[in-house]
């Protein structure tokens, strides 16, 4: 494990336990068992740590989501697999997913947005191609996401905040089916 990974792991554990605002750079240094010089060499500020954690989260999520879509046999399977991958990643990376939901929106803490925008643009192109083929309804990009992953995200958010005890991955089948019914063309899905 690299020093930067050790620092990020320690910071994530502290942020998850105590909250981002309550954790200082000194707390992170002690928990990671590194020197001041090493800590500040890798991360000059707490927002820099936050940015690296967000990048770690988004990279992991994108990898899992893309793999699920790539392995799907057809569009209905891909829609269902996307929901399942979203819930599975959030469940298996609970501290990181919780951090993504609770971390402050500091400009300095924002991850590189170019990769995320490029990935989302690729997903929207994929959805638009299915709409052009008549498989799914044509919707603006924001609605596509809301219909496809919105319910899964809300279920995951409730579980991450402790409001729900049952792991959300257990609902992947039902939510995946609902997402497909809502998005499929000619079905009882949404309309513009």
C-alpha atoms as a PDB file:
ATOM      1  CA  UNK A   1       0.000   0.000   0.000  1.00  0.00           C
ATOM      2  CA  UNK A   2       1.339   3.394  -0.958  1.00  0.00           C
ATOM      3  CA  UNK A   3       1.661   6.260   1.505  1.00  0.00           C
ATOM      4  CA  UNK A   4      -1.040   8.236  -0.289  1.00  0.00           C
ATOM      5  CA  UNK A   5      -3.419   5.243  -0.108  1.00  0.00           C
ATOM      6  CA  UNK A   6      -2.679   4.871   3.609  1.00  0.00           C
ATOM      7  CA  UNK A   7      -3.476   8.563   4.134  1.00  0.00           C
ATOM      8  CA  UNK A   8      -6.692   8.321   2.117  1.00  0.00           C
ATOM      9  CA  UNK A   9      -7.808   5.179   3.951  1.00  0.00           C
ATOM     10  CA  UNK A  10      -7.167   6.798   7.333  1.00  0.00           C
ATOM     11  CA  UNK A  11      -8.932  10.013   6.298  1.00  0.00           C
ATOM     12  CA  UNK A  12     -11.955   8.119   4.992  1.00  0.00           C
ATOM     13  CA  UNK A  13     -12.274   6.170   8.220  1.00  0.00           C
ATOM     14  CA  UNK A  14     -12.095   9.391  10.256  1.00  0.00           C
ATOM     15  CA  UNK A  15     -14.514  11.277   7.989  1.00  0.00           C
ATOM     16  CA  UNK A  16     -16.968   8.385   8.158  1.00  0.00           C
ATOM     17  CA  UNK A  17     -16.761   8.123  11.942  1.00  0.00           C
ATOM     18  CA  UNK A  18     -16.475  11.784  12.970  1.00  0.00           C
ATOM     19  CA  UNK A  19     -17.664  13.797   9.974  1.00  0.00           C
ATOM     20  CA  UNK A  20     -15.567  15.762   7.521  1.00  0.00           C
ATOM     21  CA  UNK A  21     -15.770  19.073   9.395  1.00  0.00           C
ATOM     22  CA  UNK A  22     -14.582  17.569  12.686  1.00  0.00           C
ATOM     23  CA  UNK A  23     -11.406  16.005  11.291  1.00  0.00           C
ATOM     24  CA  UNK A  24      -8.167  17.972  11.123  1.00  0.00           C
ATOM     25  CA  UNK A  25      -5.054  17.336   9.076  1.00  0.00           C
ATOM     26  CA  UNK A  26      -3.310  16.442  12.351  1.00  0.00           C
ATOM     27  CA  UNK A  27      -5.967  13.787  12.989  1.00  0.00           C
ATOM     28  CA  UNK A  28      -5.344  12.334   9.547  1.00  0.00           C
ATOM     29  CA  UNK A  29      -1.568  12.403  10.037  1.00  0.00           C
ATOM     30  CA  UNK A  30      -1.842  10.532  13.352  1.00  0.00           C
ATOM     31  CA  UNK A  31      -4.301   7.960  12.022  1.00  0.00           C
ATOM     32  CA  UNK A  32      -2.179   7.302   8.934  1.00  0.00           C
ATOM     33  CA  UNK A  33       1.008   7.177  11.043  1.00  0.00           C
ATOM     34  CA  UNK A  34       2.907   9.482   8.693  1.00  0.00           C
ATOM     35  CA  UNK A  35       5.044  12.547   9.252  1.00  0.00           C
ATOM     36  CA  UNK A  36       3.810  16.086   8.621  1.00  0.00           C
ATOM     37  CA  UNK A  37       6.156  16.299   5.657  1.00  0.00           C
ATOM     38  CA  UNK A  38       4.784  13.120   4.130  1.00  0.00           C
ATOM     39  CA  UNK A  39       1.170  14.140   4.664  1.00  0.00           C
ATOM     40  CA  UNK A  40       1.593  17.597   3.148  1.00  0.00           C
ATOM     41  CA  UNK A  41       3.756  16.258   0.324  1.00  0.00           C
ATOM     42  CA  UNK A  42       0.885  14.043  -0.827  1.00  0.00           C
ATOM     43  CA  UNK A  43      -2.046  16.264   0.179  1.00  0.00           C
ATOM     44  CA  UNK A  44      -1.502  19.987   0.836  1.00  0.00           C
ATOM     45  CA  UNK A  45      -4.951  20.406   2.406  1.00  0.00           C
ATOM     46  CA  UNK A  46      -8.046  18.615   3.636  1.00  0.00           C
ATOM     47  CA  UNK A  47      -9.941  19.612   0.464  1.00  0.00           C
ATOM     48  CA  UNK A  48      -7.148  17.922  -1.536  1.00  0.00           C
ATOM     49  CA  UNK A  49      -7.812  14.733   0.423  1.00  0.00           C
ATOM     50  CA  UNK A  50     -11.534  15.130  -0.247  1.00  0.00           C
ATOM     51  CA  UNK A  51     -10.854  15.541  -3.976  1.00  0.00           C
ATOM     52  CA  UNK A  52      -8.735  12.385  -4.033  1.00  0.00           C
ATOM     53  CA  UNK A  53     -11.430  10.437  -2.193  1.00  0.00           C
ATOM     54  CA  UNK A  54     -14.082  11.664  -4.617  1.00  0.00           C
ATOM     55  CA  UNK A  55     -11.872  10.682  -7.524  1.00  0.00           C
ATOM     56  CA  UNK A  56     -11.367   7.232  -5.971  1.00  0.00           C
ATOM     57  CA  UNK A  57     -15.127   6.840  -5.530  1.00  0.00           C
ATOM     58  CA  UNK A  58     -16.051   7.995  -9.018  1.00  0.00           C
ATOM     59  CA  UNK A  59     -13.358   5.878 -10.650  1.00  0.00           C
ATOM     60  CA  UNK A  60     -14.512   2.784  -8.773  1.00  0.00           C
ATOM     61  CA  UNK A  61     -18.161   3.420  -9.536  1.00  0.00           C
ATOM     62  CA  UNK A  62     -17.493   4.117 -13.229  1.00  0.00           C
ATOM     63  CA  UNK A  63     -15.472   0.916 -13.551  1.00  0.00           C
ATOM     64  CA  UNK A  64     -18.185  -1.222 -11.941  1.00  0.00           C
ATOM     65  CA  UNK A  65     -20.990   0.445 -13.879  1.00  0.00           C
ATOM     66  CA  UNK A  66     -19.231   0.183 -17.249  1.00  0.00           C
ATOM     67  CA  UNK A  67     -18.366  -3.475 -16.641  1.00  0.00           C
ATOM     68  CA  UNK A  68     -22.002  -4.261 -15.842  1.00  0.00           C
ATOM     69  CA  UNK A  69     -23.188  -2.633 -19.068  1.00  0.00           C
ATOM     70  CA  UNK A  70     -20.460  -4.329 -21.130  1.00  0.00           C
ATOM     71  CA  UNK A  71     -21.404  -7.771 -19.815  1.00  0.00           C
ATOM     72  CA  UNK A  72     -25.138  -7.380 -20.476  1.00  0.00           C
ATOM     73  CA  UNK A  73     -26.570  -9.355 -23.373  1.00  0.00           C
ATOM     74  CA  UNK A  74     -29.139  -6.763 -24.451  1.00  0.00           C
ATOM     75  CA  UNK A  75     -30.688  -3.426 -23.509  1.00  0.00           C
ATOM     76  CA  UNK A  76     -33.135  -4.717 -20.869  1.00  0.00           C
ATOM     77  CA  UNK A  77     -30.305  -6.654 -19.219  1.00  0.00           C
ATOM     78  CA  UNK A  78     -28.054  -3.586 -19.356  1.00  0.00           C
ATOM     79  CA  UNK A  79     -30.650  -1.345 -17.709  1.00  0.00           C
ATOM     80  CA  UNK A  80     -31.129  -3.935 -14.950  1.00  0.00           C
ATOM     81  CA  UNK A  81     -27.368  -4.485 -14.621  1.00  0.00           C
ATOM     82  CA  UNK A  82     -26.754  -0.746 -14.258  1.00  0.00           C
ATOM     83  CA  UNK A  83     -29.152  -0.593 -11.310  1.00  0.00           C
ATOM     84  CA  UNK A  84     -27.595  -3.683  -9.727  1.00  0.00           C
ATOM     85  CA  UNK A  85     -24.056  -2.340 -10.211  1.00  0.00           C
ATOM     86  CA  UNK A  86     -24.996   1.020  -8.697  1.00  0.00           C
ATOM     87  CA  UNK A  87     -26.464  -0.627  -5.594  1.00  0.00           C
ATOM     88  CA  UNK A  88     -23.702  -3.222  -5.287  1.00  0.00           C
ATOM     89  CA  UNK A  89     -20.929  -0.632  -5.504  1.00  0.00           C
ATOM     90  CA  UNK A  90     -22.589   1.640  -2.942  1.00  0.00           C
ATOM     91  CA  UNK A  91     -23.213  -1.256  -0.576  1.00  0.00           C
ATOM     92  CA  UNK A  92     -19.723  -2.730  -0.817  1.00  0.00           C
ATOM     93  CA  UNK A  93     -18.046   0.702  -0.558  1.00  0.00           C
ATOM     94  CA  UNK A  94     -20.374   2.156   2.068  1.00  0.00           C
ATOM     95  CA  UNK A  95     -17.901   4.561   3.696  1.00  0.00           C
ATOM     96  CA  UNK A  96     -16.844   5.966   0.335  1.00  0.00           C
ATOM     97  CA  UNK A  97     -20.443   6.225  -0.895  1.00  0.00           C
ATOM     98  CA  UNK A  98     -21.454   7.924   2.370  1.00  0.00           C
ATOM     99  CA  UNK A  99     -18.574  10.367   1.944  1.00  0.00           C
ATOM    100  CA  UNK A 100     -19.804  11.214  -1.563  1.00  0.00           C
ATOM    101  CA  UNK A 101     -23.219  12.046  -0.118  1.00  0.00           C
ATOM    102  CA  UNK A 102     -21.982  14.130   2.814  1.00  0.00           C
ATOM    103  CA  UNK A 103     -18.706  15.781   1.795  1.00  0.00           C
ATOM    104  CA  UNK A 104     -18.846  19.540   1.412  1.00  0.00           C
ATOM    105  CA  UNK A 105     -18.963  21.127  -2.014  1.00  0.00           C
ATOM    106  CA  UNK A 106     -15.679  22.988  -1.840  1.00  0.00           C
ATOM    107  CA  UNK A 107     -14.274  23.960  -5.247  1.00  0.00           C
ATOM    108  CA  UNK A 108     -10.854  22.780  -4.152  1.00  0.00           C
ATOM    109  CA  UNK A 109     -12.325  19.405  -3.147  1.00  0.00           C
ATOM    110  CA  UNK A 110     -13.963  18.715  -6.497  1.00  0.00           C
ATOM    111  CA  UNK A 111     -12.496  15.790  -8.420  1.00  0.00           C
ATOM    112  CA  UNK A 112     -11.357  16.173 -11.991  1.00  0.00           C
ATOM    113  CA  UNK A 113     -14.706  16.635 -13.698  1.00  0.00           C
ATOM    114  CA  UNK A 114     -13.456  15.918 -17.215  1.00  0.00           C
ATOM    115  CA  UNK A 115     -13.386  12.132 -16.709  1.00  0.00           C
ATOM    116  CA  UNK A 116     -16.821  12.088 -15.093  1.00  0.00           C
ATOM    117  CA  UNK A 117     -18.352  14.281 -17.810  1.00  0.00           C
ATOM    118  CA  UNK A 118     -16.786  12.099 -20.510  1.00  0.00           C
ATOM    119  CA  UNK A 119     -18.119   8.943 -18.886  1.00  0.00           C
ATOM    120  CA  UNK A 120     -21.622  10.377 -18.471  1.00  0.00           C
ATOM    121  CA  UNK A 121     -21.565  11.609 -22.065  1.00  0.00           C
ATOM    122  CA  UNK A 122     -20.695   8.070 -23.177  1.00  0.00           C
ATOM    123  CA  UNK A 123     -23.590   6.657 -21.130  1.00  0.00           C
ATOM    124  CA  UNK A 124     -25.965   9.237 -22.604  1.00  0.00           C
ATOM    125  CA  UNK A 125     -24.774   8.383 -26.131  1.00  0.00           C
ATOM    126  CA  UNK A 126     -25.462   4.719 -25.326  1.00  0.00           C
ATOM    127  CA  UNK A 127     -28.971   5.593 -24.108  1.00  0.00           C
ATOM    128  CA  UNK A 128     -29.595   7.905 -27.083  1.00  0.00           C
ATOM    129  CA  UNK A 129     -28.602   5.113 -29.488  1.00  0.00           C
ATOM    130  CA  UNK A 130     -31.133   2.796 -27.822  1.00  0.00           C
ATOM    131  CA  UNK A 131     -33.763   5.531 -28.092  1.00  0.00           C
ATOM    132  CA  UNK A 132     -32.936   6.038 -31.783  1.00  0.00           C
ATOM    133  CA  UNK A 133     -33.366   2.284 -32.306  1.00  0.00           C
ATOM    134  CA  UNK A 134     -36.777   2.472 -30.635  1.00  0.00           C
ATOM    135  CA  UNK A 135     -35.819   0.314 -27.652  1.00  0.00           C
ATOM    136  CA  UNK A 136     -36.229   2.992 -24.996  1.00  0.00           C
ATOM    137  CA  UNK A 137     -38.074   6.297 -24.793  1.00  0.00           C
ATOM    138  CA  UNK A 138     -36.178   9.395 -25.855  1.00  0.00           C
ATOM    139  CA  UNK A 139     -35.650  11.630 -22.840  1.00  0.00           C
ATOM    140  CA  UNK A 140     -33.361  14.522 -21.938  1.00  0.00           C
ATOM    141  CA  UNK A 141     -30.161  13.304 -20.260  1.00  0.00           C
ATOM    142  CA  UNK A 142     -31.157  14.414 -16.741  1.00  0.00           C
ATOM    143  CA  UNK A 143     -34.439  12.532 -16.977  1.00  0.00           C
ATOM    144  CA  UNK A 144     -32.709   9.417 -18.286  1.00  0.00           C
ATOM    145  CA  UNK A 145     -30.545   9.310 -15.177  1.00  0.00           C
ATOM    146  CA  UNK A 146     -33.425  10.108 -12.810  1.00  0.00           C
ATOM    147  CA  UNK A 147     -35.661   7.397 -14.234  1.00  0.00           C
ATOM    148  CA  UNK A 148     -32.901   4.798 -14.492  1.00  0.00           C
ATOM    149  CA  UNK A 149     -30.968   5.261 -11.260  1.00  0.00           C
ATOM    150  CA  UNK A 150     -32.945   7.757  -9.158  1.00  0.00           C
ATOM    151  CA  UNK A 151     -34.964   5.203  -7.149  1.00  0.00           C
ATOM    152  CA  UNK A 152     -31.869   3.054  -6.573  1.00  0.00           C
ATOM    153  CA  UNK A 153     -29.921   6.122  -5.441  1.00  0.00           C
ATOM    154  CA  UNK A 154     -32.646   7.081  -2.958  1.00  0.00           C
ATOM    155  CA  UNK A 155     -32.794   3.551  -1.546  1.00  0.00           C
ATOM    156  CA  UNK A 156     -29.010   3.533  -1.222  1.00  0.00           C
ATOM    157  CA  UNK A 157     -29.031   6.976   0.413  1.00  0.00           C
ATOM    158  CA  UNK A 158     -31.543   5.774   3.016  1.00  0.00           C
ATOM    159  CA  UNK A 159     -29.443   2.731   3.834  1.00  0.00           C
ATOM    160  CA  UNK A 160     -26.195   4.702   4.021  1.00  0.00           C
ATOM    161  CA  UNK A 161     -27.786   7.182   6.434  1.00  0.00           C
ATOM    162  CA  UNK A 162     -29.043   4.378   8.683  1.00  0.00           C
ATOM    163  CA  UNK A 163     -32.727   4.922   7.912  1.00  0.00           C
ATOM    164  CA  UNK A 164     -33.066   1.466   6.347  1.00  0.00           C
ATOM    165  CA  UNK A 165     -31.643  -1.749   7.769  1.00  0.00           C
ATOM    166  CA  UNK A 166     -32.006  -4.021   4.749  1.00  0.00           C
ATOM    167  CA  UNK A 167     -29.063  -3.740   2.332  1.00  0.00           C
ATOM    168  CA  UNK A 168     -30.297  -2.068  -0.867  1.00  0.00           C
ATOM    169  CA  UNK A 169     -28.658  -4.634  -3.138  1.00  0.00           C
ATOM    170  CA  UNK A 170     -31.474  -6.985  -2.138  1.00  0.00           C
ATOM    171  CA  UNK A 171     -33.871  -4.759  -4.103  1.00  0.00           C
ATOM    172  CA  UNK A 172     -31.751  -4.695  -7.263  1.00  0.00           C
ATOM    173  CA  UNK A 173     -34.025  -7.058  -9.168  1.00  0.00           C
ATOM    174  CA  UNK A 174     -37.228  -5.166  -8.412  1.00  0.00           C
ATOM    175  CA  UNK A 175     -35.663  -1.761  -9.068  1.00  0.00           C
ATOM    176  CA  UNK A 176     -33.973  -2.980 -12.258  1.00  0.00           C
ATOM    177  CA  UNK A 177     -37.288  -4.312 -13.545  1.00  0.00           C
ATOM    178  CA  UNK A 178     -39.011  -1.033 -12.642  1.00  0.00           C
ATOM    179  CA  UNK A 179     -36.294   0.980 -14.417  1.00  0.00           C
ATOM    180  CA  UNK A 180     -36.687  -1.124 -17.550  1.00  0.00           C
ATOM    181  CA  UNK A 181     -40.506  -0.786 -17.491  1.00  0.00           C
ATOM    182  CA  UNK A 182     -40.138   2.990 -17.121  1.00  0.00           C
ATOM    183  CA  UNK A 183     -37.562   3.364 -19.912  1.00  0.00           C
ATOM    184  CA  UNK A 184     -38.720   0.871 -22.528  1.00  0.00           C
ATOM    185  CA  UNK A 185     -40.342   2.296 -25.621  1.00  0.00           C
ATOM    186  CA  UNK A 186     -43.940   1.349 -26.220  1.00  0.00           C
ATOM    187  CA  UNK A 187     -44.367   0.212 -22.639  1.00  0.00           C
ATOM    188  CA  UNK A 188     -45.934   1.944 -19.692  1.00  0.00           C
ATOM    189  CA  UNK A 189     -42.822   4.089 -19.316  1.00  0.00           C
ATOM    190  CA  UNK A 190     -42.444   7.812 -18.940  1.00  0.00           C
ATOM    191  CA  UNK A 191     -43.095  10.280 -21.699  1.00  0.00           C
ATOM    192  CA  UNK A 192     -41.673  13.684 -22.426  1.00  0.00           C
END
